[in-house]
Structures are given as C-alpha cells and as structure tokens.
Amino acid sequence: MSVTKPVRRVAIVGTGVIGASWAALYLAHGFNVVASDPAPNAEANLRQYIDAAWKDLTVLGLSPKASRDRLEFTLDMKKALSNADFVQENGPERQEFQDQAVRRYGRCHAAGFDHCL
C-alpha cells in the first residue's frame, strides 16, 4: 500500500475494548481521533478507558503532540468518516454488521480515502 498523504486524523468505528485501545494509542502518538459507536454510554466509557490507559501510555512514552483533548466523539458515523485520513474499524463480529461494513467501506474507498480498515 502506498501512502499518498499524511495521516493526521483517524476515525475509530466501534469503541469497545479493542476500539478504545486503538483510540488511546493513536492519541498517545499525537493523532486527532474521531470515534463513533452507537452503543449506550459509548462516549463516557471510551473517555474513562482512555483516562485509565493514559497512565501506562505515559510510562511507555508519549509523542510531543499527545493529548486526550484530540479526541472527538460523534454518534454520526458519516461525520466521523468525513474528514478522516485513516479509518480503523472495530465493530462486532456479527455477519449483518460485517456485511454493512463491507458496503460502507467500499463507499469509503470510492470517496477517495487512501486508508480504510
């Protein structure tokens, strides 16, 4: 895969344990992160997870631009994807979700994204 533009803004789709872990890691490396998850209390749970993980990430070493303030949350997945340079999908392993995700990310590539996972 060739990278044609720098990745600065990462969209996280799904903020369970895996998605929250990715979000914390991207923030620790200084990326802007916009997360989306329709689950009840998803934003509060994500922020709580990142706050708890931040202590360990600090010990490992933070990027000079690392900040939890770089996190944005939206229930609107289309908004989350709209300005992302990279999409990290962490949805449930249910067939109906995966079928929808494949269609959605096909549109993601068609819209000009260089990176969609």
Protein backbone atom coordinates (compact mmCIF):
# COMPACT_ATOMS: atom_id res chain seq x y z
CA MET A 1 0.00 0.00 0.00
CA SER A 2 1.42 3.38 -0.92
CA VAL A 3 0.67 6.38 1.22
CA THR A 4 -0.17 9.48 -0.79
CA LYS A 5 -0.95 11.90 2.01
CA PRO A 6 0.00 12.12 5.67
CA VAL A 7 -2.34 10.60 8.23
CA ARG A 8 -3.34 13.18 10.83
CA ARG A 9 -6.97 12.33 11.63
CA VAL A 10 -8.07 8.81 12.48
CA ALA A 11 -11.69 7.65 12.60
CA ILE A 12 -12.40 4.86 15.08
CA VAL A 13 -15.59 2.91 14.32
CA GLY A 14 -16.57 0.89 17.37
CA THR A 15 -15.25 1.82 20.81
CA GLY A 16 -15.37 -1.38 22.80
CA VAL A 17 -12.15 -2.62 24.39
CA ILE A 18 -10.33 -3.01 21.07
CA GLY A 19 -11.51 0.28 19.59
CA ALA A 20 -10.82 2.14 22.83
CA SER A 21 -7.31 0.66 22.91
CA TRP A 22 -6.64 1.86 19.37
CA ALA A 23 -8.05 5.29 20.19
CA ALA A 24 -5.77 5.62 23.23
CA LEU A 25 -2.74 4.52 21.21
CA TYR A 26 -3.45 6.95 18.35
CA LEU A 27 -3.93 9.81 20.84
CA ALA A 28 -0.66 8.88 22.57
CA HIS A 29 1.05 9.17 19.20
CA GLY A 30 -0.38 12.65 18.62
CA PHE A 31 -3.13 11.90 16.11
CA ASN A 32 -6.51 13.60 16.07
CA VAL A 33 -9.13 10.91 16.71
CA VAL A 34 -12.84 10.99 15.98
CA ALA A 35 -14.71 8.00 17.36
CA SER A 36 -18.18 6.70 16.65
CA ASP A 37 -20.21 3.98 18.35
CA PRO A 38 -24.00 3.75 18.74
CA ALA A 39 -23.83 1.75 21.98
CA PRO A 40 -25.34 3.29 25.12
CA ASN A 41 -22.75 5.23 27.16
CA ALA A 42 -20.11 4.65 24.47
CA GLU A 43 -18.56 8.10 24.76
CA ALA A 44 -18.34 8.04 28.57
CA ASN A 45 -16.93 4.51 28.52
CA LEU A 46 -14.36 5.46 25.87
CA ARG A 47 -13.17 8.52 27.78
CA GLN A 48 -12.96 6.50 31.01
CA TYR A 49 -10.92 3.80 29.28
CA ILE A 50 -8.53 6.35 27.77
CA ASP A 51 -8.08 8.12 31.11
CA ALA A 52 -7.18 4.81 32.76
CA ALA A 53 -4.82 3.78 29.93
CA TRP A 54 -3.12 7.18 29.82
CA LYS A 55 -1.05 6.41 32.92
CA ASP A 56 0.51 3.37 31.25
CA LEU A 57 0.92 5.15 27.93
CA THR A 58 2.76 7.96 29.74
CA VAL A 59 5.19 5.42 31.20
CA LEU A 60 5.77 3.97 27.73
CA GLY A 61 6.35 7.46 26.33
CA LEU A 62 4.03 9.95 24.69
CA SER A 63 4.52 11.81 21.42
CA PRO A 64 5.13 15.56 21.85
CA LYS A 65 1.65 16.17 20.37
CA ALA A 66 -0.09 13.53 22.51
CA SER A 67 -3.27 14.77 24.17
CA ARG A 68 -6.58 13.34 25.26
CA ASP A 69 -8.04 16.66 24.08
CA ARG A 70 -7.51 15.48 20.50
CA LEU A 71 -10.45 13.07 20.96
CA GLU A 72 -13.81 13.88 19.39
CA PHE A 73 -16.88 11.64 19.64
CA THR A 74 -19.94 11.55 17.40
CA LEU A 75 -22.88 9.20 17.04
CA ASP A 76 -22.91 10.08 13.33
CA MET A 77 -20.59 7.60 11.61
CA LYS A 78 -20.78 9.52 8.34
CA LYS A 79 -19.47 12.60 10.15
CA ALA A 80 -16.70 10.53 11.76
CA LEU A 81 -15.57 9.27 8.36
CA SER A 82 -15.99 12.56 6.51
CA ASN A 83 -12.62 14.13 7.36
CA ALA A 84 -10.62 11.04 8.32
CA ASP A 85 -7.29 10.21 6.72
CA PHE A 86 -7.43 6.67 8.12
CA VAL A 87 -10.37 4.51 9.26
CA GLN A 88 -9.95 1.85 11.96
CA GLU A 89 -12.98 -0.47 12.11
CA ASN A 90 -13.56 -2.35 15.37
CA GLY A 91 -17.15 -3.47 15.06
CA PRO A 92 -18.72 -6.66 16.31
CA GLU A 93 -18.03 -9.94 14.54
CA ARG A 94 -21.66 -10.38 13.51
CA GLN A 95 -22.43 -11.24 9.92
CA GLU A 96 -25.03 -8.49 9.40
CA PHE A 97 -22.65 -5.86 10.78
CA GLN A 98 -19.75 -7.10 8.67
CA ASP A 99 -21.92 -7.11 5.52
CA GLN A 100 -22.90 -3.48 6.17
CA ALA A 101 -19.28 -2.57 6.96
CA VAL A 102 -18.02 -4.04 3.68
CA ARG A 103 -20.56 -1.96 1.73
CA ARG A 104 -19.78 1.15 3.79
CA TYR A 105 -16.02 0.83 3.38
CA GLY A 106 -16.42 0.18 -0.31
CA ARG A 107 -18.03 3.61 -0.44
CA CYS A 108 -15.19 4.87 1.74
CA HIS A 109 -12.65 3.89 -0.94
CA ALA A 110 -14.87 5.25 -3.69
CA ALA A 111 -14.98 8.58 -1.83
CA GLY A 112 -11.20 8.86 -2.14
CA PHE A 113 -9.90 7.59 1.22
CA ASP A 114 -6.43 6.11 0.92
CA HIS A 115 -6.73 4.08 4.12
CA CYS A 116 -9.78 2.12 5.32
CA LEU A 117 -9.50 -0.85 7.68
